[in-house]
Amino acid sequence: MSEPIQRAVDRAVRRSFPMATAVVASLAGLIDVPAAEYNRIAPAFTLIAVYCWSVWRPDLLPLSGVFLIGLFEDLLRGLPLGLTALMLLVAAGFVQHQRAYIFGRSNPFLWLVFGLLTVSWMAVEWLAMSILLGQILDPEVAAFRYAATFGLLPVGAALLLAVQRSGMQNV
């Protein structure tokens, strides 16, 4: 392969890191952990990835890709088709729209914005699933899922930042 083609392929692969890590995050949320009720309180790993990339590199995380990742997750989790897709799309759109106010701020500020976004996410998910199932779901489940997702933001952000620093220079 000629050098210009090799560079172009390398650049394309590096530019796909945000989308690829969001897909991996979606799959990580599906891991079957042998703990009681884990699947109901599993962290929203995809939300963490979409939030971080929407703040750091929104140019590499197109909203159409976010929507497709959400559909993919809905299919794999057996959720109503479009629920996660729509919620991820709204979250990414909000963060990308507010990026000028969020980007470059302190980590506690980024965590606060994520916390507010995640509270909204969990409330909408809880309400939508309660309506779709025709019964009021246990709000404790949503609270545990919120705590797990919010608490894992620093770990997820550190991993994604390592990906950005190791493979996305000059992209």
Protein backbone atom coordinates (compact mmCIF):
# COMPACT_ATOMS: atom_id res chain seq x y z
CA MET A 1 0.00 0.00 0.00
CA SER A 2 1.37 3.40 -0.90
CA GLU A 3 2.26 5.81 1.87
CA PRO A 4 -0.51 8.38 1.13
CA ILE A 5 -3.14 5.63 1.14
CA GLN A 6 -1.70 4.16 4.32
CA ARG A 7 -1.85 7.58 6.00
CA ALA A 8 -5.43 8.08 4.84
CA VAL A 9 -6.46 4.68 6.21
CA ASP A 10 -4.65 5.36 9.47
CA ARG A 11 -6.38 8.73 9.82
CA ALA A 12 -9.80 7.20 9.08
CA VAL A 13 -9.26 4.52 11.71
CA ARG A 14 -8.20 7.10 14.29
CA ARG A 15 -11.21 9.29 13.44
CA SER A 16 -13.49 6.31 14.12
CA PHE A 17 -12.29 5.92 17.73
CA PRO A 18 -15.16 7.92 19.30
CA MET A 19 -17.82 5.90 17.49
CA ALA A 20 -15.99 2.63 18.13
CA THR A 21 -15.59 3.31 21.84
CA ALA A 22 -19.29 4.23 22.09
CA VAL A 23 -20.17 0.86 20.51
CA VAL A 24 -17.81 -0.91 22.94
CA ALA A 25 -19.44 1.00 25.81
CA SER A 26 -22.83 -0.16 24.60
CA LEU A 27 -21.63 -3.76 24.56
CA ALA A 28 -20.07 -3.37 28.01
CA GLY A 29 -23.50 -2.54 29.38
CA LEU A 30 -24.73 -5.92 28.16
CA ILE A 31 -22.18 -8.04 30.00
CA ASP A 32 -23.97 -10.57 32.13
CA VAL A 33 -22.70 -10.09 35.67
CA PRO A 34 -23.70 -12.87 38.06
CA ALA A 35 -25.12 -10.48 40.63
CA ALA A 36 -28.74 -10.20 41.61
CA GLU A 37 -30.58 -7.64 39.48
CA TYR A 38 -27.38 -6.30 37.89
CA ASN A 39 -28.97 -6.00 34.46
CA ARG A 40 -31.63 -3.68 35.89
CA ILE A 41 -29.08 -1.37 37.57
CA ALA A 42 -26.21 -1.64 35.08
CA PRO A 43 -24.54 1.71 34.46
CA ALA A 44 -25.35 3.57 31.26
CA PHE A 45 -21.85 3.16 29.82
CA THR A 46 -22.99 4.42 26.42
CA LEU A 47 -24.17 7.68 27.98
CA ILE A 48 -20.72 8.16 29.53
CA ALA A 49 -19.00 7.66 26.17
CA VAL A 50 -21.44 9.88 24.27
CA TYR A 51 -21.14 12.62 26.90
CA CYS A 52 -17.33 12.61 26.92
CA TRP A 53 -16.96 12.56 23.14
CA SER A 54 -19.66 15.22 22.74
CA VAL A 55 -17.61 17.49 25.00
CA TRP A 56 -14.15 16.64 23.64
CA ARG A 57 -14.61 15.75 19.96
CA PRO A 58 -18.15 16.35 18.71
CA ASP A 59 -16.77 16.55 15.18
CA LEU A 60 -16.00 12.83 15.39
CA LEU A 61 -19.33 11.82 16.94
CA PRO A 62 -22.06 12.56 14.39
CA LEU A 63 -25.60 12.58 15.71
CA SER A 64 -26.60 10.04 13.06
CA GLY A 65 -23.99 7.66 14.49
CA VAL A 66 -25.24 8.29 18.03
CA PHE A 67 -28.76 7.42 16.88
CA LEU A 68 -27.57 4.18 15.26
CA ILE A 69 -25.67 3.19 18.41
CA GLY A 70 -28.86 3.78 20.39
CA LEU A 71 -30.87 1.60 18.02
CA PHE A 72 -28.18 -1.08 18.30
CA GLU A 73 -28.42 -0.95 22.09
CA ASP A 74 -32.23 -1.08 22.01
CA LEU A 75 -32.09 -4.19 19.86
CA LEU A 76 -29.54 -5.92 22.06
CA ARG A 77 -31.22 -5.01 25.36
CA GLY A 78 -34.72 -5.80 24.14
CA LEU A 79 -35.95 -2.28 24.80
CA PRO A 80 -38.59 -0.50 22.74
CA LEU A 81 -36.90 0.33 19.46
CA GLY A 82 -35.86 3.97 19.45
CA LEU A 83 -36.02 4.66 23.20
CA THR A 84 -32.28 4.64 23.88
CA ALA A 85 -31.60 6.02 20.42
CA LEU A 86 -33.79 9.05 21.04
CA MET A 87 -32.44 9.59 24.56
CA LEU A 88 -28.81 9.39 23.37
CA LEU A 89 -29.59 11.73 20.51
CA VAL A 90 -31.13 14.31 22.86
CA ALA A 91 -28.22 13.97 25.32
CA ALA A 92 -25.57 14.34 22.60
CA GLY A 93 -27.44 17.21 20.95
CA PHE A 94 -27.77 19.03 24.28
CA VAL A 95 -24.09 18.61 25.17
CA GLN A 96 -22.88 19.56 21.70
CA HIS A 97 -25.15 22.61 21.71
CA GLN A 98 -23.88 23.67 25.16
CA ARG A 99 -20.26 22.71 24.46
CA ALA A 100 -19.07 26.32 24.47
CA TYR A 101 -20.11 26.56 28.12
CA ILE A 102 -18.87 23.10 29.10
CA PHE A 103 -15.57 22.54 27.27
CA GLY A 104 -12.43 23.58 29.08
CA ARG A 105 -14.10 23.83 32.47
CA SER A 106 -12.92 22.06 35.61
CA ASN A 107 -13.55 18.36 36.12
CA PRO A 108 -16.04 19.00 38.95
CA PHE A 109 -18.05 21.21 36.59
CA LEU A 110 -18.02 18.50 33.89
CA TRP A 111 -19.14 16.00 36.51
CA LEU A 112 -21.93 18.32 37.69
CA VAL A 113 -23.28 18.76 34.15
CA PHE A 114 -23.09 15.00 33.64
CA GLY A 115 -24.92 14.46 36.93
CA LEU A 116 -27.76 16.75 35.87
CA LEU A 117 -27.93 15.12 32.45
CA THR A 118 -27.94 11.66 34.01
CA VAL A 119 -30.72 12.54 36.48
CA SER A 120 -32.83 13.65 33.52
CA TRP A 121 -31.89 10.52 31.57
CA MET A 122 -32.84 8.15 34.39
CA ALA A 123 -36.12 9.98 35.09
CA VAL A 124 -37.17 9.85 31.44
CA GLU A 125 -36.11 6.21 31.11
CA TRP A 126 -37.99 5.27 34.30
CA LEU A 127 -41.13 7.14 33.21
CA ALA A 128 -41.05 5.78 29.64
CA MET A 129 -40.58 2.19 30.79
CA SER A 130 -43.31 2.57 33.44
CA ILE A 131 -45.72 3.83 30.78
CA LEU A 132 -44.74 1.18 28.23
CA LEU A 133 -45.02 -1.65 30.75
CA GLY A 134 -48.23 -0.26 32.23
CA GLN A 135 -46.94 -0.33 35.80
CA ILE A 136 -44.96 1.96 38.04
CA LEU A 137 -41.43 0.62 38.20
CA ASP A 138 -39.40 0.68 41.39
CA PRO A 139 -37.71 4.12 41.54
CA GLU A 140 -34.89 2.61 43.62
CA VAL A 141 -33.70 0.78 40.52
CA ALA A 142 -33.41 4.08 38.65
CA ALA A 143 -31.62 5.61 41.65
CA PHE A 144 -29.07 2.78 41.78
CA ARG A 145 -28.57 2.99 38.02
CA TYR A 146 -28.03 6.73 38.37
CA ALA A 147 -25.50 6.28 41.19
CA ALA A 148 -23.59 3.64 39.22
CA THR A 149 -23.50 5.74 36.05
CA PHE A 150 -22.63 8.99 37.83
CA GLY A 151 -19.99 7.30 39.97
CA LEU A 152 -18.28 5.70 36.97
CA LEU A 153 -17.89 8.92 34.98
CA PRO A 154 -14.33 9.59 36.24
CA VAL A 155 -13.24 6.03 35.37
CA GLY A 156 -14.92 6.11 31.96
CA ALA A 157 -13.57 9.57 31.20
CA ALA A 158 -10.05 8.50 32.18
CA LEU A 159 -10.23 5.48 29.87
CA LEU A 160 -11.59 7.53 26.97
CA LEU A 161 -9.02 10.25 27.58
CA ALA A 162 -6.29 7.61 27.40
CA VAL A 163 -7.72 6.48 24.04
CA GLN A 164 -7.75 10.05 22.82
CA ARG A 165 -4.18 10.72 23.92
CA SER A 166 -2.75 7.44 22.66
CA GLY A 167 -4.39 7.20 19.27
CA MET A 168 -5.91 10.46 18.20
CA GLN A 169 -3.03 12.90 17.94
CA ASN A 170 -3.27 15.07 14.85
CA VAL A 171 -6.77 13.86 14.02
